[in-house]
Amino acid sequence: MEWQAGYICGALWMPKHRVDLLADAFGKERSVRGPFKLDGINAQALTKRLTDLCDVSRDAARVRLLKLGHLAG
């Protein structure tokens, strides 16, 4: 039950459409394409941008980006 609550909260705070738009704009701005390697500089910058935009934790942003396919482990 706990992981379901965490997942739905992430989905509500960081809707797929909004995250997809952010990732697309990020890629165009830097002339790069995802998914980004999890420990890479682009992954860190995209995660930071999502944390700032949605006011969520770094871990929550990273999980959401992974689930939506913008980051790769």
N, C-alpha and C. Protein backbone atom coordinates (compact mmCIF):
# COMPACT_ATOMS: atom_id res chain seq x y z
N MET A 1 0.82 -1.19 0.00
CA MET A 1 0.00 0.00 0.00
C MET A 1 0.87 1.27 0.00
N GLU A 2 2.01 1.21 0.67
CA GLU A 2 2.86 2.40 0.77
C GLU A 2 3.43 2.84 -0.57
N TRP A 3 3.89 1.90 -1.40
CA TRP A 3 4.47 2.29 -2.68
C TRP A 3 3.40 2.86 -3.61
N GLN A 4 2.16 2.35 -3.49
CA GLN A 4 1.08 2.89 -4.32
C GLN A 4 0.81 4.35 -3.97
N ALA A 5 0.86 4.66 -2.70
CA ALA A 5 0.64 6.05 -2.27
C ALA A 5 1.76 6.94 -2.79
N GLY A 6 2.99 6.45 -2.70
CA GLY A 6 4.13 7.22 -3.21
C GLY A 6 4.02 7.44 -4.71
N TYR A 7 3.59 6.41 -5.44
CA TYR A 7 3.47 6.52 -6.89
C TYR A 7 2.40 7.53 -7.27
N ILE A 8 1.24 7.45 -6.64
CA ILE A 8 0.15 8.35 -7.01
C ILE A 8 0.48 9.80 -6.65
N CYS A 9 1.18 10.00 -5.54
CA CYS A 9 1.59 11.36 -5.17
C CYS A 9 2.55 11.93 -6.22
N GLY A 10 3.48 11.10 -6.66
CA GLY A 10 4.41 11.55 -7.70
C GLY A 10 3.68 11.89 -8.99
N ALA A 11 2.71 11.07 -9.34
CA ALA A 11 1.95 11.31 -10.57
C ALA A 11 1.10 12.58 -10.46
N LEU A 12 0.59 12.86 -9.28
CA LEU A 12 -0.22 14.08 -9.10
C LEU A 12 0.64 15.33 -9.11
N TRP A 13 1.79 15.29 -8.43
CA TRP A 13 2.67 16.45 -8.36
C TRP A 13 3.44 16.69 -9.64
N MET A 14 3.70 15.58 -10.37
CA MET A 14 4.50 15.67 -11.60
C MET A 14 3.77 14.94 -12.73
N PRO A 15 2.72 15.55 -13.28
CA PRO A 15 1.94 14.89 -14.33
C PRO A 15 2.80 14.53 -15.55
N LYS A 16 2.49 13.41 -16.16
CA LYS A 16 3.26 12.90 -17.30
C LYS A 16 3.43 13.96 -18.39
N HIS A 17 2.35 14.61 -18.75
CA HIS A 17 2.40 15.60 -19.82
C HIS A 17 3.38 16.73 -19.48
N ARG A 18 3.34 17.19 -18.25
CA ARG A 18 4.21 18.29 -17.82
C ARG A 18 5.69 17.84 -17.80
N VAL A 19 5.92 16.63 -17.31
CA VAL A 19 7.29 16.11 -17.26
C VAL A 19 7.82 15.89 -18.68
N ASP A 20 6.97 15.35 -19.56
CA ASP A 20 7.38 15.15 -20.95
C ASP A 20 7.74 16.48 -21.63
N LEU A 21 6.93 17.50 -21.41
CA LEU A 21 7.24 18.82 -21.98
C LEU A 21 8.55 19.37 -21.44
N LEU A 22 8.77 19.22 -20.15
CA LEU A 22 10.01 19.68 -19.53
C LEU A 22 11.21 18.95 -20.12
N ALA A 23 11.12 17.63 -20.25
CA ALA A 23 12.22 16.84 -20.78
C ALA A 23 12.50 17.20 -22.24
N ASP A 24 11.44 17.40 -23.03
CA ASP A 24 11.62 17.79 -24.44
C ASP A 24 12.30 19.16 -24.55
N ALA A 25 11.84 20.12 -23.76
CA ALA A 25 12.44 21.46 -23.78
C ALA A 25 13.90 21.40 -23.33
N PHE A 26 14.17 20.60 -22.32
CA PHE A 26 15.53 20.43 -21.81
C PHE A 26 16.44 19.88 -22.91
N GLY A 27 15.96 18.86 -23.61
CA GLY A 27 16.74 18.25 -24.69
C GLY A 27 17.01 19.23 -25.82
N LYS A 28 16.00 20.00 -26.21
CA LYS A 28 16.18 20.98 -27.28
C LYS A 28 17.15 22.08 -26.88
N GLU A 29 17.04 22.52 -25.63
CA GLU A 29 17.90 23.58 -25.12
C GLU A 29 19.37 23.16 -25.15
N ARG A 30 19.63 21.90 -24.83
CA ARG A 30 21.01 21.40 -24.77
C ARG A 30 21.42 20.61 -26.01
N SER A 31 20.53 20.48 -26.97
CA SER A 31 20.78 19.70 -28.19
C SER A 31 21.20 18.27 -27.87
N VAL A 32 20.43 17.64 -26.96
CA VAL A 32 20.67 16.25 -26.56
C VAL A 32 19.35 15.50 -26.58
N ARG A 33 19.46 14.17 -26.61
CA ARG A 33 18.26 13.33 -26.58
C ARG A 33 18.38 12.34 -25.44
N GLY A 34 17.29 12.09 -24.78
CA GLY A 34 17.24 11.10 -23.70
C GLY A 34 16.87 9.74 -24.24
N PRO A 35 16.82 8.77 -23.42
CA PRO A 35 16.98 8.86 -21.97
C PRO A 35 18.43 9.09 -21.58
N PHE A 36 18.58 9.79 -20.47
CA PHE A 36 19.91 10.14 -19.98
C PHE A 36 20.39 9.11 -18.96
N LYS A 37 21.68 8.83 -19.00
CA LYS A 37 22.27 7.89 -18.04
C LYS A 37 22.10 8.46 -16.64
N LEU A 38 21.65 7.64 -15.73
CA LEU A 38 21.26 8.06 -14.39
C LEU A 38 22.32 8.88 -13.67
N ASP A 39 23.58 8.54 -13.83
CA ASP A 39 24.63 9.26 -13.10
C ASP A 39 25.29 10.36 -13.95
N GLY A 40 24.72 10.65 -15.11
CA GLY A 40 25.29 11.66 -16.00
C GLY A 40 24.89 13.08 -15.63
N ILE A 41 25.62 14.02 -16.19
CA ILE A 41 25.39 15.43 -15.88
C ILE A 41 24.02 15.91 -16.40
N ASN A 42 23.59 15.40 -17.55
CA ASN A 42 22.28 15.80 -18.07
C ASN A 42 21.15 15.27 -17.19
N ALA A 43 21.31 14.07 -16.68
CA ALA A 43 20.30 13.50 -15.78
C ALA A 43 20.21 14.32 -14.50
N GLN A 44 21.35 14.72 -13.98
CA GLN A 44 21.36 15.52 -12.76
C GLN A 44 20.71 16.89 -13.00
N ALA A 45 21.01 17.50 -14.13
CA ALA A 45 20.44 18.81 -14.44
C ALA A 45 18.93 18.73 -14.67
N LEU A 46 18.49 17.69 -15.38
CA LEU A 46 17.06 17.52 -15.61
C LEU A 46 16.33 17.25 -14.30
N THR A 47 16.90 16.43 -13.47
CA THR A 47 16.31 16.14 -12.16
C THR A 47 16.19 17.41 -11.33
N LYS A 48 17.24 18.22 -11.33
CA LYS A 48 17.22 19.49 -10.58
C LYS A 48 16.14 20.41 -11.11
N ARG A 49 16.01 20.47 -12.41
CA ARG A 49 15.00 21.34 -13.01
C ARG A 49 13.59 20.89 -12.60
N LEU A 50 13.37 19.57 -12.57
CA LEU A 50 12.06 19.05 -12.17
C LEU A 50 11.80 19.31 -10.69
N THR A 51 12.82 19.18 -9.85
CA THR A 51 12.63 19.46 -8.42
C THR A 51 12.25 20.93 -8.21
N ASP A 52 12.89 21.81 -8.96
CA ASP A 52 12.59 23.24 -8.83
C ASP A 52 11.19 23.58 -9.36
N LEU A 53 10.83 22.99 -10.48
CA LEU A 53 9.54 23.28 -11.10
C LEU A 53 8.37 22.77 -10.26
N CYS A 54 8.49 21.55 -9.75
CA CYS A 54 7.37 20.91 -9.06
C CYS A 54 7.49 20.94 -7.54
N ASP A 55 8.59 21.50 -7.04
CA ASP A 55 8.81 21.59 -5.59
C ASP A 55 8.70 20.22 -4.92
N VAL A 56 9.47 19.27 -5.45
CA VAL A 56 9.51 17.91 -4.92
C VAL A 56 10.96 17.56 -4.57
N SER A 57 11.13 16.44 -3.90
CA SER A 57 12.48 16.01 -3.54
C SER A 57 13.22 15.49 -4.77
N ARG A 58 14.53 15.45 -4.65
CA ARG A 58 15.37 14.93 -5.73
C ARG A 58 15.04 13.46 -6.00
N ASP A 59 14.83 12.71 -4.93
CA ASP A 59 14.51 11.29 -5.10
C ASP A 59 13.17 11.10 -5.81
N ALA A 60 12.18 11.90 -5.44
CA ALA A 60 10.87 11.80 -6.09
C ALA A 60 10.97 12.15 -7.58
N ALA A 61 11.72 13.19 -7.89
CA ALA A 61 11.89 13.59 -9.29
C ALA A 61 12.63 12.51 -10.08
N ARG A 62 13.67 11.95 -9.48
CA ARG A 62 14.44 10.91 -10.17
C ARG A 62 13.57 9.68 -10.46
N VAL A 63 12.77 9.26 -9.49
CA VAL A 63 11.88 8.11 -9.68
C VAL A 63 10.88 8.39 -10.80
N ARG A 64 10.29 9.57 -10.79
CA ARG A 64 9.30 9.92 -11.82
C ARG A 64 9.94 9.94 -13.21
N LEU A 65 11.14 10.52 -13.32
CA LEU A 65 11.84 10.55 -14.60
C LEU A 65 12.21 9.14 -15.06
N LEU A 66 12.60 8.28 -14.13
CA LEU A 66 12.89 6.88 -14.48
C LEU A 66 11.64 6.17 -14.96
N LYS A 67 10.55 6.31 -14.23
CA LYS A 67 9.29 5.63 -14.58
C LYS A 67 8.77 6.08 -15.95
N LEU A 68 9.01 7.34 -16.30
CA LEU A 68 8.52 7.86 -17.58
C LEU A 68 9.51 7.66 -18.72
N GLY A 69 10.68 7.08 -18.41
CA GLY A 69 11.64 6.74 -19.46
C GLY A 69 12.58 7.86 -19.88
N HIS A 70 12.66 8.91 -19.08
CA HIS A 70 13.58 10.00 -19.41
C HIS A 70 14.98 9.78 -18.86
N LEU A 71 15.09 8.89 -17.88
CA LEU A 71 16.39 8.48 -17.33
C LEU A 71 16.53 6.97 -17.50
N ALA A 72 17.76 6.54 -17.64
CA ALA A 72 18.04 5.10 -17.76
C ALA A 72 19.11 4.72 -16.75
N GLY A 73 18.86 3.62 -16.06
CA GLY A 73 19.80 3.14 -15.03
C GLY A 73 20.99 2.56 -15.64
